[in-house]
Amino acid sequence: MNNVFALTELEEGRRATVGRLLSDGAIRRRLQDIGLIEGTRIECIMKSPGGDPIAYLIRGAVIALRNEDSDNILVSV
């Protein structure tokens, strides 16, 4: 059984698979546009000293997401 949790909880250097977006409206569309759809592999590559934002490798691009956005992305390992 896969462990499901919010993307914010993914540790630096670890990879996970996107399972579900809990956001709606414009932010949901933005997340989908940058490649965050079900089944996408994502890697946490760097957390800022304060922990917000966090940089992720998504489909070959480095994207920084705020915690309020990544809290609404469910992933599994």
PDB file of N, CA and C in Angstrom:
ATOM      1  N   MET A   1       0.851  -1.193   0.000  1.00  0.00           N
ATOM      2  CA  MET A   1       0.000   0.000   0.000  1.00  0.00           C
ATOM      3  C   MET A   1       0.886   1.242   0.000  1.00  0.00           C
ATOM      4  N   ASN A   2       0.536   2.217  -0.832  1.00  0.00           N
ATOM      5  CA  ASN A   2       1.326   3.435  -0.946  1.00  0.00           C
ATOM      6  C   ASN A   2       0.998   4.409   0.173  1.00  0.00           C
ATOM      7  N   ASN A   3       2.019   5.117   0.624  1.00  0.00           N
ATOM      8  CA  ASN A   3       1.866   6.142   1.643  1.00  0.00           C
ATOM      9  C   ASN A   3       1.465   7.447   0.958  1.00  0.00           C
ATOM     10  N   VAL A   4       0.295   8.003   1.273  1.00  0.00           N
ATOM     11  CA  VAL A   4      -0.202   9.231   0.653  1.00  0.00           C
ATOM     12  C   VAL A   4      -0.055  10.381   1.633  1.00  0.00           C
ATOM     13  N   PHE A   5       0.497  11.498   1.133  1.00  0.00           N
ATOM     14  CA  PHE A   5       0.700  12.676   1.979  1.00  0.00           C
ATOM     15  C   PHE A   5       0.794  13.910   1.102  1.00  0.00           C
ATOM     16  N   ALA A   6       0.779  15.088   1.740  1.00  0.00           N
ATOM     17  CA  ALA A   6       0.876  16.356   1.012  1.00  0.00           C
ATOM     18  C   ALA A   6       2.291  16.541   0.486  1.00  0.00           C
ATOM     19  N   LEU A   7       2.411  17.138  -0.680  1.00  0.00           N
ATOM     20  CA  LEU A   7       3.712  17.365  -1.306  1.00  0.00           C
ATOM     21  C   LEU A   7       4.663  18.131  -0.393  1.00  0.00           C
ATOM     22  N   THR A   8       4.147  19.031   0.419  1.00  0.00           N
ATOM     23  CA  THR A   8       4.967  19.817   1.339  1.00  0.00           C
ATOM     24  C   THR A   8       5.810  18.922   2.246  1.00  0.00           C
ATOM     25  N   GLU A   9       5.314  17.734   2.559  1.00  0.00           N
ATOM     26  CA  GLU A   9       5.993  16.821   3.476  1.00  0.00           C
ATOM     27  C   GLU A   9       7.103  16.000   2.825  1.00  0.00           C
ATOM     28  N   LEU A  10       7.237  16.084   1.497  1.00  0.00           N
ATOM     29  CA  LEU A  10       8.269  15.331   0.801  1.00  0.00           C
ATOM     30  C   LEU A  10       9.646  15.855   1.196  1.00  0.00           C
ATOM     31  N   GLU A  11      10.512  14.973   1.623  1.00  0.00           N
ATOM     32  CA  GLU A  11      11.841  15.363   2.084  1.00  0.00           C
ATOM     33  C   GLU A  11      12.751  15.696   0.907  1.00  0.00           C
ATOM     34  N   GLU A  12      13.694  16.574   1.154  1.00  0.00           N
ATOM     35  CA  GLU A  12      14.669  16.971   0.149  1.00  0.00           C
ATOM     36  C   GLU A  12      15.413  15.747  -0.377  1.00  0.00           C
ATOM     37  N   GLY A  13      15.526  15.652  -1.708  1.00  0.00           N
ATOM     38  CA  GLY A  13      16.206  14.529  -2.331  1.00  0.00           C
ATOM     39  C   GLY A  13      15.331  13.315  -2.589  1.00  0.00           C
ATOM     40  N   ARG A  14      14.081  13.357  -2.159  1.00  0.00           N
ATOM     41  CA  ARG A  14      13.159  12.225  -2.338  1.00  0.00           C
ATOM     42  C   ARG A  14      12.240  12.466  -3.525  1.00  0.00           C
ATOM     43  N   ARG A  15      11.718  11.380  -4.069  1.00  0.00           N
ATOM     44  CA  ARG A  15      10.790  11.444  -5.203  1.00  0.00           C
ATOM     45  C   ARG A  15       9.456  10.846  -4.818  1.00  0.00           C
ATOM     46  N   ALA A  16       8.420  11.324  -5.489  1.00  0.00           N
ATOM     47  CA  ALA A  16       7.069  10.811  -5.257  1.00  0.00           C
ATOM     48  C   ALA A  16       6.280  10.929  -6.557  1.00  0.00           C
ATOM     49  N   THR A  17       5.076  10.400  -6.531  1.00  0.00           N
ATOM     50  CA  THR A  17       4.180  10.456  -7.682  1.00  0.00           C
ATOM     51  C   THR A  17       2.929  11.223  -7.306  1.00  0.00           C
ATOM     52  N   VAL A  18       2.532  12.159  -8.166  1.00  0.00           N
ATOM     53  CA  VAL A  18       1.330  12.949  -7.917  1.00  0.00           C
ATOM     54  C   VAL A  18       0.112  12.046  -8.007  1.00  0.00           C
ATOM     55  N   GLY A  19      -0.745  12.140  -6.998  1.00  0.00           N
ATOM     56  CA  GLY A  19      -1.958  11.337  -6.979  1.00  0.00           C
ATOM     57  C   GLY A  19      -3.214  12.150  -7.224  1.00  0.00           C
ATOM     58  N   ARG A  20      -3.251  13.356  -6.621  1.00  0.00           N
ATOM     59  CA  ARG A  20      -4.493  14.141  -6.709  1.00  0.00           C
ATOM     60  C   ARG A  20      -4.229  15.595  -6.363  1.00  0.00           C
ATOM     61  N   LEU A  21      -4.925  16.500  -7.049  1.00  0.00           N
ATOM     62  CA  LEU A  21      -4.890  17.924  -6.727  1.00  0.00           C
ATOM     63  C   LEU A  21      -6.164  18.280  -5.986  1.00  0.00           C
ATOM     64  N   LEU A  22      -6.016  18.894  -4.821  1.00  0.00           N
ATOM     65  CA  LEU A  22      -7.177  19.297  -4.037  1.00  0.00           C
ATOM     66  C   LEU A  22      -7.582  20.739  -4.327  1.00  0.00           C
ATOM     67  N   SER A  23      -6.754  21.466  -5.036  1.00  0.00           N
ATOM     68  CA  SER A  23      -7.032  22.865  -5.378  1.00  0.00           C
ATOM     69  C   SER A  23      -8.092  22.935  -6.459  1.00  0.00           C
ATOM     70  N   ASP A  24      -8.689  24.119  -6.602  1.00  0.00           N
ATOM     71  CA  ASP A  24      -9.618  24.336  -7.703  1.00  0.00           C
ATOM     72  C   ASP A  24      -9.399  25.726  -8.286  1.00  0.00           C
ATOM     73  N   GLY A  25     -10.116  26.025  -9.334  1.00  0.00           N
ATOM     74  CA  GLY A  25     -10.028  27.337  -9.948  1.00  0.00           C
ATOM     75  C   GLY A  25      -8.708  27.578 -10.659  1.00  0.00           C
ATOM     76  N   ALA A  26      -8.256  28.833 -10.617  1.00  0.00           N
ATOM     77  CA  ALA A  26      -7.069  29.259 -11.350  1.00  0.00           C
ATOM     78  C   ALA A  26      -5.806  28.549 -10.879  1.00  0.00           C
ATOM     79  N   ILE A  27      -5.674  28.320  -9.593  1.00  0.00           N
ATOM     80  CA  ILE A  27      -4.457  27.669  -9.106  1.00  0.00           C
ATOM     81  C   ILE A  27      -4.398  26.216  -9.575  1.00  0.00           C
ATOM     82  N   ARG A  28      -5.529  25.543  -9.634  1.00  0.00           N
ATOM     83  CA  ARG A  28      -5.552  24.166 -10.144  1.00  0.00           C
ATOM     84  C   ARG A  28      -5.082  24.141 -11.596  1.00  0.00           C
ATOM     85  N   ARG A  29      -5.582  25.076 -12.377  1.00  0.00           N
ATOM     86  CA  ARG A  29      -5.206  25.157 -13.795  1.00  0.00           C
ATOM     87  C   ARG A  29      -3.710  25.441 -13.930  1.00  0.00           C
ATOM     88  N   ARG A  30      -3.178  26.333 -13.102  1.00  0.00           N
ATOM     89  CA  ARG A  30      -1.752  26.663 -13.135  1.00  0.00           C
ATOM     90  C   ARG A  30      -0.913  25.428 -12.818  1.00  0.00           C
ATOM     91  N   LEU A  31      -1.308  24.687 -11.792  1.00  0.00           N
ATOM     92  CA  LEU A  31      -0.570  23.479 -11.415  1.00  0.00           C
ATOM     93  C   LEU A  31      -0.599  22.442 -12.540  1.00  0.00           C
ATOM     94  N   GLN A  32      -1.740  22.299 -13.174  1.00  0.00           N
ATOM     95  CA  GLN A  32      -1.845  21.368 -14.299  1.00  0.00           C
ATOM     96  C   GLN A  32      -0.985  21.835 -15.469  1.00  0.00           C
ATOM     97  N   ASP A  33      -0.944  23.133 -15.706  1.00  0.00           N
ATOM     98  CA  ASP A  33      -0.145  23.684 -16.800  1.00  0.00           C
ATOM     99  C   ASP A  33       1.346  23.426 -16.623  1.00  0.00           C
ATOM    100  N   ILE A  34       1.822  23.378 -15.375  1.00  0.00           N
ATOM    101  CA  ILE A  34       3.251  23.109 -15.162  1.00  0.00           C
ATOM    102  C   ILE A  34       3.542  21.607 -15.075  1.00  0.00           C
ATOM    103  N   GLY A  35       2.518  20.791 -15.327  1.00  0.00           N
ATOM    104  CA  GLY A  35       2.729  19.353 -15.422  1.00  0.00           C
ATOM    105  C   GLY A  35       2.313  18.537 -14.225  1.00  0.00           C
ATOM    106  N   LEU A  36       1.667  19.147 -13.267  1.00  0.00           N
ATOM    107  CA  LEU A  36       1.238  18.403 -12.079  1.00  0.00           C
ATOM    108  C   LEU A  36      -0.121  17.750 -12.323  1.00  0.00           C
ATOM    109  N   ILE A  37      -0.046  16.569 -12.927  1.00  0.00           N
ATOM    110  CA  ILE A  37      -1.241  15.779 -13.165  1.00  0.00           C
ATOM    111  C   ILE A  37      -0.999  14.390 -12.574  1.00  0.00           C
ATOM    112  N   GLU A  38      -2.052  13.638 -12.406  1.00  0.00           N
ATOM    113  CA  GLU A  38      -1.948  12.312 -11.797  1.00  0.00           C
ATOM    114  C   GLU A  38      -0.900  11.468 -12.526  1.00  0.00           C
ATOM    115  N   GLY A  39      -0.006  10.862 -11.757  1.00  0.00           N
ATOM    116  CA  GLY A  39       1.020   9.995 -12.311  1.00  0.00           C
ATOM    117  C   GLY A  39       2.361  10.674 -12.564  1.00  0.00           C
ATOM    118  N   THR A  40       2.420  11.990 -12.459  1.00  0.00           N
ATOM    119  CA  THR A  40       3.671  12.716 -12.687  1.00  0.00           C
ATOM    120  C   THR A  40       4.649  12.461 -11.554  1.00  0.00           C
ATOM    121  N   ARG A  41       5.898  12.154 -11.910  1.00  0.00           N
ATOM    122  CA  ARG A  41       6.960  11.989 -10.911  1.00  0.00           C
ATOM    123  C   ARG A  41       7.489  13.365 -10.550  1.00  0.00           C
ATOM    124  N   ILE A  42       7.742  13.579  -9.267  1.00  0.00           N
ATOM    125  CA  ILE A  42       8.204  14.868  -8.768  1.00  0.00           C
ATOM    126  C   ILE A  42       9.289  14.629  -7.730  1.00  0.00           C
ATOM    127  N   GLU A  43      10.293  15.485  -7.730  1.00  0.00           N
ATOM    128  CA  GLU A  43      11.402  15.356  -6.783  1.00  0.00           C
ATOM    129  C   GLU A  43      11.587  16.672  -6.043  1.00  0.00           C
ATOM    130  N   CYS A  44      11.727  16.592  -4.733  1.00  0.00           N
ATOM    131  CA  CYS A  44      12.025  17.775  -3.922  1.00  0.00           C
ATOM    132  C   CYS A  44      13.532  17.988  -4.013  1.00  0.00           C
ATOM    133  N   ILE A  45      13.943  19.115  -4.606  1.00  0.00           N
ATOM    134  CA  ILE A  45      15.379  19.315  -4.774  1.00  0.00           C
ATOM    135  C   ILE A  45      15.976  20.317  -3.796  1.00  0.00           C
ATOM    136  N   MET A  46      15.151  21.225  -3.242  1.00  0.00           N
ATOM    137  CA  MET A  46      15.708  22.168  -2.283  1.00  0.00           C
ATOM    138  C   MET A  46      14.608  22.886  -1.510  1.00  0.00           C
ATOM    139  N   LYS A  47      14.794  22.956  -0.203  1.00  0.00           N
ATOM    140  CA  LYS A  47      13.883  23.726   0.647  1.00  0.00           C
ATOM    141  C   LYS A  47      14.603  24.992   1.075  1.00  0.00           C
ATOM    142  N   SER A  48      13.912  26.108   1.025  1.00  0.00           N
ATOM    143  CA  SER A  48      14.526  27.363   1.459  1.00  0.00           C
ATOM    144  C   SER A  48      14.768  27.295   2.969  1.00  0.00           C
ATOM    145  N   PRO A  49      15.662  28.131   3.496  1.00  0.00           N
ATOM    146  CA  PRO A  49      15.972  28.086   4.929  1.00  0.00           C
ATOM    147  C   PRO A  49      14.739  28.181   5.826  1.00  0.00           C
ATOM    148  N   GLY A  50      13.755  28.959   5.423  1.00  0.00           N
ATOM    149  CA  GLY A  50      12.528  29.083   6.202  1.00  0.00           C
ATOM    150  C   GLY A  50      11.507  28.011   5.869  1.00  0.00           C
ATOM    151  N   GLY A  51      11.794  27.184   4.857  1.00  0.00           N
ATOM    152  CA  GLY A  51      10.883  26.107   4.478  1.00  0.00           C
ATOM    153  C   GLY A  51       9.823  26.499   3.471  1.00  0.00           C
ATOM    154  N   ASP A  52       9.813  27.738   3.026  1.00  0.00           N
ATOM    155  CA  ASP A  52       8.793  28.198   2.077  1.00  0.00           C
ATOM    156  C   ASP A  52       9.388  29.294   1.209  1.00  0.00           C
ATOM    157  N   PRO A  53       9.484  29.147  -0.096  1.00  0.00           N
ATOM    158  CA  PRO A  53       8.962  28.067  -0.932  1.00  0.00           C
ATOM    159  C   PRO A  53       9.925  26.873  -0.989  1.00  0.00           C
ATOM    160  N   ILE A  54       9.462  25.861  -1.723  1.00  0.00           N
ATOM    161  CA  ILE A  54      10.255  24.650  -1.922  1.00  0.00           C
ATOM    162  C   ILE A  54      10.418  24.446  -3.426  1.00  0.00           C
ATOM    163  N   ALA A  55      11.626  24.071  -3.858  1.00  0.00           N
ATOM    164  CA  ALA A  55      11.894  23.832  -5.275  1.00  0.00           C
ATOM    165  C   ALA A  55      11.718  22.343  -5.591  1.00  0.00           C
ATOM    166  N   TYR A  56      10.994  22.086  -6.667  1.00  0.00           N
ATOM    167  CA  TYR A  56      10.721  20.718  -7.109  1.00  0.00           C
ATOM    168  C   TYR A  56      11.152  20.550  -8.559  1.00  0.00           C
ATOM    169  N   LEU A  57      11.586  19.353  -8.900  1.00  0.00           N
ATOM    170  CA  LEU A  57      11.877  19.009 -10.289  1.00  0.00           C
ATOM    171  C   LEU A  57      10.633  18.328 -10.838  1.00  0.00           C
ATOM    172  N   ILE A  58      10.022  18.983 -11.825  1.00  0.00           N
ATOM    173  CA  ILE A  58       8.772  18.497 -12.405  1.00  0.00           C
ATOM    174  C   ILE A  58       8.949  18.420 -13.916  1.00  0.00           C
ATOM    175  N   ARG A  59       8.958  17.232 -14.467  1.00  0.00           N
ATOM    176  CA  ARG A  59       9.077  17.029 -15.915  1.00  0.00           C
ATOM    177  C   ARG A  59      10.255  17.789 -16.514  1.00  0.00           C
ATOM    178  N   GLY A  60      11.394  17.766 -15.820  1.00  0.00           N
ATOM    179  CA  GLY A  60      12.609  18.377 -16.326  1.00  0.00           C
ATOM    180  C   GLY A  60      12.783  19.850 -16.021  1.00  0.00           C
ATOM    181  N   ALA A  61      11.818  20.463 -15.359  1.00  0.00           N
ATOM    182  CA  ALA A  61      11.901  21.886 -15.016  1.00  0.00           C
ATOM    183  C   ALA A  61      11.892  22.050 -13.499  1.00  0.00           C
ATOM    184  N   VAL A  62      12.668  23.008 -13.010  1.00  0.00           N
ATOM    185  CA  VAL A  62      12.678  23.310 -11.581  1.00  0.00           C
ATOM    186  C   VAL A  62      11.606  24.371 -11.320  1.00  0.00           C
ATOM    187  N   ILE A  63      10.675  24.040 -10.442  1.00  0.00           N
ATOM    188  CA  ILE A  63       9.552  24.914 -10.118  1.00  0.00           C
ATOM    189  C   ILE A  63       9.515  25.118  -8.605  1.00  0.00           C
ATOM    190  N   ALA A  64       9.418  26.376  -8.171  1.00  0.00           N
ATOM    191  CA  ALA A  64       9.272  26.680  -6.744  1.00  0.00           C
ATOM    192  C   ALA A  64       7.795  26.866  -6.437  1.00  0.00           C
ATOM    193  N   LEU A  65       7.314  26.155  -5.425  1.00  0.00           N
ATOM    194  CA  LEU A  65       5.912  26.260  -5.009  1.00  0.00           C
ATOM    195  C   LEU A  65       5.827  26.711  -3.565  1.00  0.00           C
ATOM    196  N   ARG A  66       4.849  27.555  -3.297  1.00  0.00           N
ATOM    197  CA  ARG A  66       4.583  27.962  -1.921  1.00  0.00           C
ATOM    198  C   ARG A  66       3.913  26.801  -1.191  1.00  0.00           C
ATOM    199  N   ASN A  67       4.119  26.759   0.111  1.00  0.00           N
ATOM    200  CA  ASN A  67       3.518  25.683   0.913  1.00  0.00           C
ATOM    201  C   ASN A  67       2.001  25.672   0.810  1.00  0.00           C
ATOM    202  N   GLU A  68       1.383  26.840   0.724  1.00  0.00           N
ATOM    203  CA  GLU A  68      -0.083  26.871   0.649  1.00  0.00           C
ATOM    204  C   GLU A  68      -0.591  26.186  -0.613  1.00  0.00           C
ATOM    205  N   ASP A  69       0.228  26.153  -1.662  1.00  0.00           N
ATOM    206  CA  ASP A  69      -0.150  25.453  -2.885  1.00  0.00           C
ATOM    207  C   ASP A  69       0.219  23.978  -2.816  1.00  0.00           C
ATOM    208  N   SER A  70       1.424  23.670  -2.343  1.00  0.00           N
ATOM    209  CA  SER A  70       1.845  22.264  -2.318  1.00  0.00           C
ATOM    210  C   SER A  70       1.144  21.455  -1.236  1.00  0.00           C
ATOM    211  N   ASP A  71       0.536  22.124  -0.254  1.00  0.00           N
ATOM    212  CA  ASP A  71      -0.274  21.423   0.758  1.00  0.00           C
ATOM    213  C   ASP A  71      -1.495  20.771   0.117  1.00  0.00           C
ATOM    214  N   ASN A  72      -1.912  21.266  -1.053  1.00  0.00           N
ATOM    215  CA  ASN A  72      -3.099  20.765  -1.736  1.00  0.00           C
ATOM    216  C   ASN A  72      -2.792  19.785  -2.857  1.00  0.00           C
ATOM    217  N   ILE A  73      -1.558  19.275  -2.865  1.00  0.00           N
ATOM    218  CA  ILE A  73      -1.155  18.276  -3.844  1.00  0.00           C
ATOM    219  C   ILE A  73      -0.834  16.989  -3.083  1.00  0.00           C
ATOM    220  N   LEU A  74      -1.604  15.953  -3.330  1.00  0.00           N
ATOM    221  CA  LEU A  74      -1.367  14.682  -2.663  1.00  0.00           C
ATOM    222  C   LEU A  74      -0.440  13.820  -3.519  1.00  0.00           C
ATOM    223  N   VAL A  75       0.569  13.256  -2.879  1.00  0.00           N
ATOM    224  CA  VAL A  75       1.547  12.409  -3.570  1.00  0.00           C
ATOM    225  C   VAL A  75       1.699  11.090  -2.815  1.00  0.00           C
ATOM    226  N   SER A  76       2.318  10.142  -3.476  1.00  0.00           N
ATOM    227  CA  SER A  76       2.622   8.861  -2.826  1.00  0.00           C
ATOM    228  C   SER A  76       4.019   8.423  -3.227  1.00  0.00           C
ATOM    229  N   VAL A  77       4.624   7.601  -2.364  1.00  0.00           N
ATOM    230  CA  VAL A  77       5.972   7.088  -2.648  1.00  0.00           C
ATOM    231  C   VAL A  77       5.913   5.617  -2.955  1.00  0.00           C
TER     232      VAL A  77
END
